[in-house]
Amino acid sequence: IRLTRKGRKKKPFYRIVVANGEAKRDGKFLDIIGTYDPLQDPVVIKLDTGKLDDWLGKGAQPSVTVQSLIKKYEAARIETA
């Protein structure tokens, strides 16, 4: 589970995707499970927790960056609840 970059030059926007470890950063992927927009204030993270749990159950390993985004997303959900 990792990020793939979208958007224009100097205006990054990321998708959180499930991809084979051998695939290129912006190459072929299996599923889109969320988005990350670092330019918004505050930063916007959207995740489909059902898909995330499903892929983690199948053994998918999130990258270090995605792990930190998941933690921030869960912390924001707890604050608003």
N, C-alpha and C. Protein backbone atom coordinates (compact mmCIF):
# COMPACT_ATOMS: atom_id res chain seq x y z
N ILE A 1 0.88 -1.16 0.00
CA ILE A 1 0.00 0.00 0.00
C ILE A 1 0.92 1.21 0.00
N ARG A 2 0.75 2.06 -1.02
CA ARG A 2 1.66 3.20 -1.14
C ARG A 2 0.99 4.37 -1.86
N LEU A 3 1.72 5.47 -2.00
CA LEU A 3 1.20 6.65 -2.66
C LEU A 3 1.58 6.65 -4.13
N THR A 4 0.70 7.19 -4.96
CA THR A 4 1.01 7.45 -6.36
C THR A 4 0.70 8.92 -6.60
N ARG A 5 1.59 9.61 -7.28
CA ARG A 5 1.47 11.07 -7.41
C ARG A 5 0.60 11.44 -8.60
N LYS A 6 -0.26 12.40 -8.38
CA LYS A 6 -1.09 12.99 -9.43
C LYS A 6 -0.96 14.50 -9.30
N GLY A 7 -1.64 15.25 -10.13
CA GLY A 7 -1.60 16.70 -10.05
C GLY A 7 -0.55 17.28 -10.98
N ARG A 8 -0.47 18.61 -10.95
CA ARG A 8 0.46 19.31 -11.82
C ARG A 8 1.81 19.51 -11.15
N LYS A 9 2.71 20.13 -11.91
CA LYS A 9 4.00 20.48 -11.37
C LYS A 9 3.81 21.47 -10.22
N LYS A 10 4.45 21.24 -9.09
CA LYS A 10 4.37 22.07 -7.88
C LYS A 10 3.00 22.03 -7.21
N LYS A 11 2.09 21.19 -7.67
CA LYS A 11 0.75 21.06 -7.07
C LYS A 11 0.45 19.58 -6.86
N PRO A 12 1.13 18.92 -5.93
CA PRO A 12 0.96 17.48 -5.77
C PRO A 12 -0.40 17.09 -5.19
N PHE A 13 -0.86 15.94 -5.62
CA PHE A 13 -2.07 15.30 -5.10
C PHE A 13 -1.77 13.81 -5.18
N TYR A 14 -2.09 13.08 -4.14
CA TYR A 14 -1.71 11.67 -4.10
C TYR A 14 -2.91 10.76 -3.96
N ARG A 15 -2.84 9.60 -4.59
CA ARG A 15 -3.80 8.52 -4.36
C ARG A 15 -3.10 7.50 -3.48
N ILE A 16 -3.86 6.90 -2.58
CA ILE A 16 -3.34 5.80 -1.77
C ILE A 16 -3.81 4.54 -2.48
N VAL A 17 -2.86 3.75 -2.99
CA VAL A 17 -3.19 2.59 -3.81
C VAL A 17 -2.55 1.32 -3.27
N VAL A 18 -3.13 0.20 -3.69
CA VAL A 18 -2.55 -1.10 -3.41
C VAL A 18 -1.88 -1.54 -4.71
N ALA A 19 -0.58 -1.79 -4.66
CA ALA A 19 0.18 -2.15 -5.85
C ALA A 19 1.15 -3.28 -5.54
N ASN A 20 1.51 -3.99 -6.58
CA ASN A 20 2.55 -5.00 -6.47
C ASN A 20 3.86 -4.28 -6.15
N GLY A 21 4.69 -4.85 -5.31
CA GLY A 21 5.94 -4.22 -4.91
C GLY A 21 6.89 -3.95 -6.05
N GLU A 22 6.74 -4.67 -7.15
CA GLU A 22 7.64 -4.50 -8.29
C GLU A 22 7.14 -3.45 -9.28
N ALA A 23 5.92 -2.95 -9.09
CA ALA A 23 5.35 -1.97 -10.02
C ALA A 23 6.00 -0.60 -9.81
N LYS A 24 5.98 0.24 -10.86
CA LYS A 24 6.52 1.59 -10.76
C LYS A 24 5.66 2.43 -9.84
N ARG A 25 6.22 3.54 -9.37
CA ARG A 25 5.49 4.41 -8.44
C ARG A 25 4.14 4.85 -9.01
N ASP A 26 4.12 5.31 -10.23
CA ASP A 26 2.89 5.77 -10.86
C ASP A 26 2.37 4.76 -11.88
N GLY A 27 2.80 3.52 -11.75
CA GLY A 27 2.42 2.49 -12.72
C GLY A 27 1.16 1.74 -12.33
N LYS A 28 1.13 0.50 -12.74
CA LYS A 28 -0.03 -0.36 -12.54
C LYS A 28 -0.30 -0.60 -11.05
N PHE A 29 -1.59 -0.56 -10.68
CA PHE A 29 -1.97 -0.83 -9.30
C PHE A 29 -3.22 -1.69 -9.27
N LEU A 30 -3.51 -2.26 -8.11
CA LEU A 30 -4.64 -3.17 -7.97
C LEU A 30 -5.92 -2.48 -7.53
N ASP A 31 -5.82 -1.49 -6.64
CA ASP A 31 -7.02 -0.86 -6.09
C ASP A 31 -6.67 0.51 -5.52
N ILE A 32 -7.60 1.45 -5.62
CA ILE A 32 -7.46 2.77 -5.00
C ILE A 32 -8.23 2.72 -3.68
N ILE A 33 -7.54 3.03 -2.59
CA ILE A 33 -8.24 2.97 -1.30
C ILE A 33 -8.36 4.33 -0.63
N GLY A 34 -7.81 5.38 -1.24
CA GLY A 34 -7.97 6.70 -0.65
C GLY A 34 -7.18 7.77 -1.38
N THR A 35 -7.24 8.99 -0.83
CA THR A 35 -6.51 10.12 -1.39
C THR A 35 -5.85 10.92 -0.28
N TYR A 36 -4.85 11.72 -0.67
CA TYR A 36 -4.12 12.58 0.26
C TYR A 36 -3.82 13.88 -0.46
N ASP A 37 -4.28 14.99 0.09
CA ASP A 37 -4.06 16.31 -0.52
C ASP A 37 -3.28 17.17 0.47
N PRO A 38 -1.95 17.28 0.28
CA PRO A 38 -1.13 18.03 1.23
C PRO A 38 -1.24 19.55 1.10
N LEU A 39 -1.85 20.05 0.03
CA LEU A 39 -1.92 21.49 -0.18
C LEU A 39 -3.10 22.15 0.53
N GLN A 40 -4.07 21.38 0.95
CA GLN A 40 -5.21 21.94 1.69
C GLN A 40 -4.76 22.32 3.10
N ASP A 41 -5.48 23.26 3.71
CA ASP A 41 -5.17 23.61 5.09
C ASP A 41 -6.46 23.49 5.90
N PRO A 42 -6.63 22.51 6.75
CA PRO A 42 -5.70 21.44 7.10
C PRO A 42 -5.62 20.38 6.00
N VAL A 43 -4.59 19.56 6.08
CA VAL A 43 -4.36 18.49 5.10
C VAL A 43 -5.58 17.58 5.03
N VAL A 44 -5.95 17.15 3.81
CA VAL A 44 -7.13 16.30 3.64
C VAL A 44 -6.68 14.87 3.33
N ILE A 45 -7.13 13.94 4.17
CA ILE A 45 -6.86 12.52 3.98
C ILE A 45 -8.20 11.81 3.93
N LYS A 46 -8.46 11.08 2.83
CA LYS A 46 -9.69 10.31 2.72
C LYS A 46 -9.30 8.85 2.54
N LEU A 47 -9.92 7.97 3.33
CA LEU A 47 -9.62 6.55 3.26
C LEU A 47 -10.92 5.75 3.26
N ASP A 48 -10.94 4.69 2.46
CA ASP A 48 -12.03 3.72 2.51
C ASP A 48 -11.57 2.64 3.49
N THR A 49 -12.01 2.74 4.75
CA THR A 49 -11.52 1.85 5.79
C THR A 49 -11.90 0.40 5.54
N GLY A 50 -13.01 0.16 4.86
CA GLY A 50 -13.39 -1.21 4.53
C GLY A 50 -12.38 -1.86 3.61
N LYS A 51 -12.00 -1.14 2.54
CA LYS A 51 -11.00 -1.66 1.61
C LYS A 51 -9.65 -1.79 2.29
N LEU A 52 -9.30 -0.80 3.12
CA LEU A 52 -8.02 -0.85 3.82
C LEU A 52 -7.93 -2.09 4.71
N ASP A 53 -8.95 -2.34 5.50
CA ASP A 53 -8.96 -3.52 6.37
C ASP A 53 -8.90 -4.81 5.57
N ASP A 54 -9.62 -4.83 4.43
CA ASP A 54 -9.62 -6.01 3.57
C ASP A 54 -8.22 -6.31 3.05
N TRP A 55 -7.53 -5.28 2.54
CA TRP A 55 -6.19 -5.49 1.99
C TRP A 55 -5.17 -5.82 3.08
N LEU A 56 -5.29 -5.19 4.25
CA LEU A 56 -4.38 -5.53 5.34
C LEU A 56 -4.60 -6.97 5.78
N GLY A 57 -5.86 -7.43 5.75
CA GLY A 57 -6.17 -8.82 6.08
C GLY A 57 -5.58 -9.80 5.09
N LYS A 58 -5.42 -9.35 3.84
CA LYS A 58 -4.84 -10.20 2.80
C LYS A 58 -3.32 -10.18 2.83
N GLY A 59 -2.74 -9.36 3.71
CA GLY A 59 -1.29 -9.34 3.87
C GLY A 59 -0.58 -8.17 3.21
N ALA A 60 -1.32 -7.17 2.73
CA ALA A 60 -0.68 -6.00 2.13
C ALA A 60 0.07 -5.21 3.20
N GLN A 61 1.22 -4.70 2.85
CA GLN A 61 2.07 -3.97 3.79
C GLN A 61 2.08 -2.49 3.41
N PRO A 62 1.64 -1.59 4.29
CA PRO A 62 1.69 -0.16 3.97
C PRO A 62 3.12 0.38 4.07
N SER A 63 3.43 1.36 3.21
CA SER A 63 4.73 2.02 3.29
C SER A 63 4.77 2.84 4.57
N VAL A 64 5.94 3.32 4.91
CA VAL A 64 6.11 4.12 6.13
C VAL A 64 5.24 5.38 6.05
N THR A 65 5.22 6.02 4.90
CA THR A 65 4.43 7.24 4.72
C THR A 65 2.95 6.95 4.87
N VAL A 66 2.48 5.88 4.25
CA VAL A 66 1.06 5.53 4.34
C VAL A 66 0.70 5.16 5.77
N GLN A 67 1.58 4.49 6.49
CA GLN A 67 1.32 4.17 7.90
C GLN A 67 1.09 5.44 8.70
N SER A 68 1.92 6.47 8.47
CA SER A 68 1.75 7.71 9.21
C SER A 68 0.45 8.41 8.82
N LEU A 69 0.05 8.33 7.54
CA LEU A 69 -1.21 8.92 7.10
C LEU A 69 -2.40 8.20 7.73
N ILE A 70 -2.31 6.88 7.85
CA ILE A 70 -3.39 6.11 8.48
C ILE A 70 -3.54 6.53 9.95
N LYS A 71 -2.41 6.70 10.64
CA LYS A 71 -2.45 7.13 12.04
C LYS A 71 -3.08 8.51 12.18
N LYS A 72 -2.71 9.44 11.29
CA LYS A 72 -3.29 10.79 11.33
C LYS A 72 -4.78 10.75 11.04
N TYR A 73 -5.19 9.91 10.08
CA TYR A 73 -6.60 9.78 9.73
C TYR A 73 -7.40 9.25 10.92
N GLU A 74 -6.88 8.21 11.58
CA GLU A 74 -7.57 7.63 12.73
C GLU A 74 -7.62 8.62 13.90
N ALA A 75 -6.55 9.38 14.11
CA ALA A 75 -6.55 10.37 15.18
C ALA A 75 -7.59 11.46 14.92
N ALA A 76 -7.72 11.88 13.67
CA ALA A 76 -8.72 12.90 13.31
C ALA A 76 -10.13 12.35 13.49
N ARG A 77 -10.34 11.08 13.17
CA ARG A 77 -11.68 10.46 13.35
C ARG A 77 -12.05 10.40 14.82
N ILE A 78 -11.07 10.11 15.69
CA ILE A 78 -11.34 10.02 17.13
C ILE A 78 -11.67 11.41 17.68
N GLU A 79 -10.97 12.45 17.21
CA GLU A 79 -11.22 13.82 17.69
C GLU A 79 -12.64 14.27 17.34
N THR A 80 -13.10 13.95 16.14
CA THR A 80 -14.41 14.42 15.69
C THR A 80 -15.55 13.59 16.26
N ALA A 81 -15.24 12.40 16.74
CA ALA A 81 -16.30 11.53 17.29
C ALA A 81 -16.70 11.89 18.69
